[in-house]
C-alpha cells in the first residue's frame, strides 16, 4: 500500500492545471483562485486535502479541511 504525500505531486499538478511549466501552473492556480505556496525554486505546492475539496466543489475552510475530530469519552467506563 502506497502512502500519499500531504502535497500534490508534480504530475498531479500538471494534470489539474494542464501545464508542465511552473509559471504557467502558477498562472492557472491564481486565475482559478487556488491557494498554493512556492518553493525556493518557484514551483507551486498545493495541499492534497485542499485539492480534493476544490475538485469536489467545496470551498475549503479551516473547519472542513481537517479530518473528523474526536474526543475520548470515558463516561461509560466503570
C-alpha atoms as a PDB file:
ATOM      1  CA  UNK A   1       0.000   0.000   0.000  1.00  0.00           C
ATOM      2  CA  UNK A   2       1.436   3.349  -1.047  1.00  0.00           C
ATOM      3  CA  UNK A   3       1.135   6.286   1.344  1.00  0.00           C
ATOM      4  CA  UNK A   4       0.305   9.538  -0.397  1.00  0.00           C
ATOM      5  CA  UNK A   5       2.142  12.746   0.332  1.00  0.00           C
ATOM      6  CA  UNK A   6       0.375  15.649   2.022  1.00  0.00           C
ATOM      7  CA  UNK A   7       1.004  17.673  -1.153  1.00  0.00           C
ATOM      8  CA  UNK A   8       0.241  17.013  -4.800  1.00  0.00           C
ATOM      9  CA  UNK A   9       2.991  15.552  -6.939  1.00  0.00           C
ATOM     10  CA  UNK A  10       4.337  17.471  -9.922  1.00  0.00           C
ATOM     11  CA  UNK A  11       2.449  15.038 -12.175  1.00  0.00           C
ATOM     12  CA  UNK A  12      -0.843  15.635 -10.363  1.00  0.00           C
ATOM     13  CA  UNK A  13      -0.370  19.386 -10.589  1.00  0.00           C
ATOM     14  CA  UNK A  14       0.286  19.037 -14.317  1.00  0.00           C
ATOM     15  CA  UNK A  15      -2.922  17.033 -14.773  1.00  0.00           C
ATOM     16  CA  UNK A  16      -5.009  19.573 -12.835  1.00  0.00           C
ATOM     17  CA  UNK A  17      -3.579  22.703 -14.460  1.00  0.00           C
ATOM     18  CA  UNK A  18      -2.852  21.273 -17.895  1.00  0.00           C
ATOM     19  CA  UNK A  19       0.614  22.840 -17.827  1.00  0.00           C
ATOM     20  CA  UNK A  20       4.139  21.465 -17.376  1.00  0.00           C
ATOM     21  CA  UNK A  21       5.881  24.785 -16.781  1.00  0.00           C
ATOM     22  CA  UNK A  22       5.704  26.093 -13.210  1.00  0.00           C
ATOM     23  CA  UNK A  23       4.999  29.699 -14.230  1.00  0.00           C
ATOM     24  CA  UNK A  24       2.009  28.503 -16.283  1.00  0.00           C
ATOM     25  CA  UNK A  25       0.810  26.373 -13.338  1.00  0.00           C
ATOM     26  CA  UNK A  26       1.090  29.413 -11.071  1.00  0.00           C
ATOM     27  CA  UNK A  27      -0.970  31.474 -13.511  1.00  0.00           C
ATOM     28  CA  UNK A  28      -3.653  28.771 -13.741  1.00  0.00           C
ATOM     29  CA  UNK A  29      -3.807  28.376  -9.956  1.00  0.00           C
ATOM     30  CA  UNK A  30      -4.070  32.140  -9.486  1.00  0.00           C
ATOM     31  CA  UNK A  31      -6.725  32.544 -12.199  1.00  0.00           C
ATOM     32  CA  UNK A  32      -8.803  29.739 -10.647  1.00  0.00           C
ATOM     33  CA  UNK A  33      -8.377  31.048  -7.091  1.00  0.00           C
ATOM     34  CA  UNK A  34      -6.426  28.098  -5.720  1.00  0.00           C
ATOM     35  CA  UNK A  35      -4.277  28.554  -2.624  1.00  0.00           C
ATOM     36  CA  UNK A  36      -0.655  27.478  -3.013  1.00  0.00           C
ATOM     37  CA  UNK A  37       2.834  28.232  -1.778  1.00  0.00           C
ATOM     38  CA  UNK A  38       6.035  28.487  -3.764  1.00  0.00           C
ATOM     39  CA  UNK A  39       9.205  26.524  -3.164  1.00  0.00           C
ATOM     40  CA  UNK A  40      12.586  28.218  -3.285  1.00  0.00           C
ATOM     41  CA  UNK A  41      12.751  27.098  -6.928  1.00  0.00           C
ATOM     42  CA  UNK A  42       9.433  28.935  -7.587  1.00  0.00           C
ATOM     43  CA  UNK A  43       7.413  25.750  -8.040  1.00  0.00           C
ATOM     44  CA  UNK A  44       3.823  25.770  -6.744  1.00  0.00           C
ATOM     45  CA  UNK A  45       2.879  23.427  -3.914  1.00  0.00           C
ATOM     46  CA  UNK A  46      -0.769  22.502  -3.294  1.00  0.00           C
ATOM     47  CA  UNK A  47      -2.063  20.552  -0.311  1.00  0.00           C
ATOM     48  CA  UNK A  48      -3.758  17.227  -1.069  1.00  0.00           C
ATOM     49  CA  UNK A  49      -6.802  17.774   1.181  1.00  0.00           C
ATOM     50  CA  UNK A  50      -7.234  21.299  -0.199  1.00  0.00           C
ATOM     51  CA  UNK A  51      -7.133  19.975  -3.783  1.00  0.00           C
ATOM     52  CA  UNK A  52      -9.694  17.267  -3.008  1.00  0.00           C
ATOM     53  CA  UNK A  53     -12.082  19.829  -1.572  1.00  0.00           C
ATOM     54  CA  UNK A  54     -11.609  22.219  -4.512  1.00  0.00           C
ATOM     55  CA  UNK A  55     -12.152  19.440  -7.050  1.00  0.00           C
ATOM     56  CA  UNK A  56     -15.293  18.361  -5.201  1.00  0.00           C
ATOM     57  CA  UNK A  57     -16.701  21.872  -5.450  1.00  0.00           C
ATOM     58  CA  UNK A  58     -16.371  22.556  -1.723  1.00  0.00           C
ATOM     59  CA  UNK A  59     -14.936  25.888  -0.619  1.00  0.00           C
ATOM     60  CA  UNK A  60     -12.020  24.847   1.606  1.00  0.00           C
ATOM     61  CA  UNK A  61     -12.001  26.373   5.076  1.00  0.00           C
ATOM     62  CA  UNK A  62     -10.339  25.699   8.393  1.00  0.00           C
ATOM     63  CA  UNK A  63     -13.379  23.738   9.598  1.00  0.00           C
ATOM     64  CA  UNK A  64     -13.760  21.364   6.640  1.00  0.00           C
ATOM     65  CA  UNK A  65     -10.074  20.938   5.801  1.00  0.00           C
ATOM     66  CA  UNK A  66      -9.264  18.871   8.870  1.00  0.00           C
ATOM     67  CA  UNK A  67     -10.050  15.259   9.475  1.00  0.00           C
ATOM     68  CA  UNK A  68     -13.006  14.442  11.662  1.00  0.00           C
ATOM     69  CA  UNK A  69     -12.167  15.329  15.225  1.00  0.00           C
ATOM     70  CA  UNK A  70     -12.899  13.036  18.112  1.00  0.00           C
ATOM     71  CA  UNK A  71     -12.543  13.040  21.838  1.00  0.00           C
ATOM     72  CA  UNK A  72     -12.003  10.188  24.232  1.00  0.00           C
ATOM     73  CA  UNK A  73     -15.274   9.523  26.051  1.00  0.00           C
ATOM     74  CA  UNK A  74     -14.721   7.557  29.232  1.00  0.00           C
ATOM     75  CA  UNK A  75     -18.120   8.347  30.734  1.00  0.00           C
ATOM     76  CA  UNK A  76     -19.398   4.771  30.217  1.00  0.00           C
ATOM     77  CA  UNK A  77     -16.304   3.049  31.620  1.00  0.00           C
ATOM     78  CA  UNK A  78     -16.693   1.543  35.076  1.00  0.00           C
END
